[in-house]
Amino acid sequence: MSWISRLLGNKENSSDVAKRRLQMVLVHDRSDVSPGLIAQIKDDIIEVIARRLAIDPEHVVVNLSQTARESRLVAEIPLLANQRQH
């Protein structure tokens, strides 16, 4: 589901959710990165970003994606305000 669809309130159907979850499982298996390690990385990212920006830690999403040429770790971090924390 694209961010535009989420913004407009379009809901994902269960087959899309299941497909995305299966893709994540396959990527984790191929990259040899455990879900536990991804959770630790997510916690570290939240801790570091929260030092400088007001974020919504409950809605941070960290995904690992892989293509034939590269692997990517992508973090979606919702900001609560456009202010820096001190």
C-alpha atoms as a PDB file:
ATOM      1  CA  MET A   1       0.000   0.000   0.000  1.00  0.00           C
ATOM      2  CA  SER A   2       1.426   3.331  -0.981  1.00  0.00           C
ATOM      3  CA  TRP A   3       1.695   6.264   1.393  1.00  0.00           C
ATOM      4  CA  ILE A   4      -0.827   8.135  -0.750  1.00  0.00           C
ATOM      5  CA  SER A   5      -3.382   5.379  -0.260  1.00  0.00           C
ATOM      6  CA  ARG A   6      -2.767   5.454   3.481  1.00  0.00           C
ATOM      7  CA  LEU A   7      -3.120   9.219   3.514  1.00  0.00           C
ATOM      8  CA  LEU A   8      -6.432   9.032   1.670  1.00  0.00           C
ATOM      9  CA  GLY A   9      -7.689   6.331   4.021  1.00  0.00           C
ATOM     10  CA  ASN A  10      -7.794   3.430   1.556  1.00  0.00           C
ATOM     11  CA  LYS A  11      -7.541   0.134   3.399  1.00  0.00           C
ATOM     12  CA  GLU A  12      -5.436  -2.839   2.410  1.00  0.00           C
ATOM     13  CA  ASN A  13      -7.160  -6.129   1.799  1.00  0.00           C
ATOM     14  CA  SER A  14      -5.980  -9.214   3.647  1.00  0.00           C
ATOM     15  CA  SER A  15      -4.311 -10.759   0.591  1.00  0.00           C
ATOM     16  CA  ASP A  16      -2.083  -7.683   0.185  1.00  0.00           C
ATOM     17  CA  VAL A  17      -1.114  -7.830   3.851  1.00  0.00           C
ATOM     18  CA  ALA A  18      -0.380 -11.570   3.638  1.00  0.00           C
ATOM     19  CA  LYS A  19       1.685 -11.082   0.468  1.00  0.00           C
ATOM     20  CA  ARG A  20       3.759  -8.331   2.077  1.00  0.00           C
ATOM     21  CA  ARG A  21       4.366 -10.441   5.193  1.00  0.00           C
ATOM     22  CA  LEU A  22       5.473 -13.405   3.088  1.00  0.00           C
ATOM     23  CA  GLN A  23       7.854 -11.173   1.147  1.00  0.00           C
ATOM     24  CA  MET A  24       9.350  -9.971   4.432  1.00  0.00           C
ATOM     25  CA  VAL A  25       9.862 -13.552   5.631  1.00  0.00           C
ATOM     26  CA  LEU A  26      11.600 -14.469   2.370  1.00  0.00           C
ATOM     27  CA  VAL A  27      13.854 -11.404   2.529  1.00  0.00           C
ATOM     28  CA  HIS A  28      14.836 -12.195   6.120  1.00  0.00           C
ATOM     29  CA  ASP A  29      15.646 -15.781   5.156  1.00  0.00           C
ATOM     30  CA  ARG A  30      17.751 -14.760   2.138  1.00  0.00           C
ATOM     31  CA  SER A  31      19.663 -12.020   3.940  1.00  0.00           C
ATOM     32  CA  ASP A  32      20.308 -14.073   7.078  1.00  0.00           C
ATOM     33  CA  VAL A  33      19.078 -11.206   9.295  1.00  0.00           C
ATOM     34  CA  SER A  34      16.865 -12.431  12.102  1.00  0.00           C
ATOM     35  CA  PRO A  35      13.643 -10.657  13.069  1.00  0.00           C
ATOM     36  CA  GLY A  36      15.173 -10.219  16.527  1.00  0.00           C
ATOM     37  CA  LEU A  37      18.078  -8.267  15.049  1.00  0.00           C
ATOM     38  CA  ILE A  38      15.647  -6.090  13.072  1.00  0.00           C
ATOM     39  CA  ALA A  39      13.776  -5.368  16.337  1.00  0.00           C
ATOM     40  CA  GLN A  40      17.046  -4.346  18.037  1.00  0.00           C
ATOM     41  CA  ILE A  41      17.938  -2.093  15.110  1.00  0.00           C
ATOM     42  CA  LYS A  42      14.466  -0.538  15.282  1.00  0.00           C
ATOM     43  CA  ASP A  43      14.928   0.207  18.991  1.00  0.00           C
ATOM     44  CA  ASP A  44      18.331   1.769  18.314  1.00  0.00           C
ATOM     45  CA  ILE A  45      16.946   3.930  15.510  1.00  0.00           C
ATOM     46  CA  ILE A  46      14.092   5.129  17.726  1.00  0.00           C
ATOM     47  CA  GLU A  47      16.511   6.005  20.518  1.00  0.00           C
ATOM     48  CA  VAL A  48      18.858   7.991  18.279  1.00  0.00           C
ATOM     49  CA  ILE A  49      16.210   9.869  16.277  1.00  0.00           C
ATOM     50  CA  ALA A  50      14.179  10.688  19.415  1.00  0.00           C
ATOM     51  CA  ARG A  51      17.177  12.590  20.807  1.00  0.00           C
ATOM     52  CA  ARG A  52      16.741  15.262  18.133  1.00  0.00           C
ATOM     53  CA  LEU A  53      13.136  15.011  16.860  1.00  0.00           C
ATOM     54  CA  ALA A  54       9.726  14.422  18.378  1.00  0.00           C
ATOM     55  CA  ILE A  55       8.611  11.110  16.869  1.00  0.00           C
ATOM     56  CA  ASP A  56       5.816   8.589  17.361  1.00  0.00           C
ATOM     57  CA  PRO A  57       7.799   5.508  18.471  1.00  0.00           C
ATOM     58  CA  GLU A  58       4.703   3.278  18.460  1.00  0.00           C
ATOM     59  CA  HIS A  59       4.339   3.661  14.696  1.00  0.00           C
ATOM     60  CA  VAL A  60       7.959   3.327  13.579  1.00  0.00           C
ATOM     61  CA  VAL A  61       8.288   0.630  10.906  1.00  0.00           C
ATOM     62  CA  VAL A  62      11.607  -0.923   9.891  1.00  0.00           C
ATOM     63  CA  ASN A  63      11.689  -3.211   6.856  1.00  0.00           C
ATOM     64  CA  LEU A  64      14.383  -5.121   5.077  1.00  0.00           C
ATOM     65  CA  SER A  65      13.911  -5.406   1.319  1.00  0.00           C
ATOM     66  CA  GLN A  66      16.028  -7.208  -1.223  1.00  0.00           C
ATOM     67  CA  THR A  67      16.382  -7.214  -4.984  1.00  0.00           C
ATOM     68  CA  ALA A  68      18.736  -9.198  -7.163  1.00  0.00           C
ATOM     69  CA  ARG A  69      21.329  -6.431  -6.817  1.00  0.00           C
ATOM     70  CA  GLU A  70      20.953  -5.007  -3.312  1.00  0.00           C
ATOM     71  CA  SER A  71      19.459  -5.226   0.143  1.00  0.00           C
ATOM     72  CA  ARG A  72      17.899  -2.205   1.835  1.00  0.00           C
ATOM     73  CA  LEU A  73      16.937  -1.419   5.383  1.00  0.00           C
ATOM     74  CA  VAL A  74      14.121   1.140   5.288  1.00  0.00           C
ATOM     75  CA  ALA A  75      12.771   2.963   8.345  1.00  0.00           C
ATOM     76  CA  GLU A  76       9.488   4.861   8.315  1.00  0.00           C
ATOM     77  CA  ILE A  77       9.505   7.263  11.269  1.00  0.00           C
ATOM     78  CA  PRO A  78       6.422   9.409  11.843  1.00  0.00           C
ATOM     79  CA  LEU A  79       7.272  12.862  13.168  1.00  0.00           C
ATOM     80  CA  LEU A  80       5.009  14.385  15.823  1.00  0.00           C
ATOM     81  CA  ALA A  81       6.078  17.982  15.396  1.00  0.00           C
ATOM     82  CA  ASN A  82       8.391  20.061  13.280  1.00  0.00           C
ATOM     83  CA  GLN A  83      10.465  21.003  16.323  1.00  0.00           C
ATOM     84  CA  ARG A  84      13.762  19.736  17.570  1.00  0.00           C
ATOM     85  CA  GLN A  85      13.940  18.381  21.082  1.00  0.00           C
ATOM     86  CA  HIS A  86      16.656  19.673  23.386  1.00  0.00           C
END
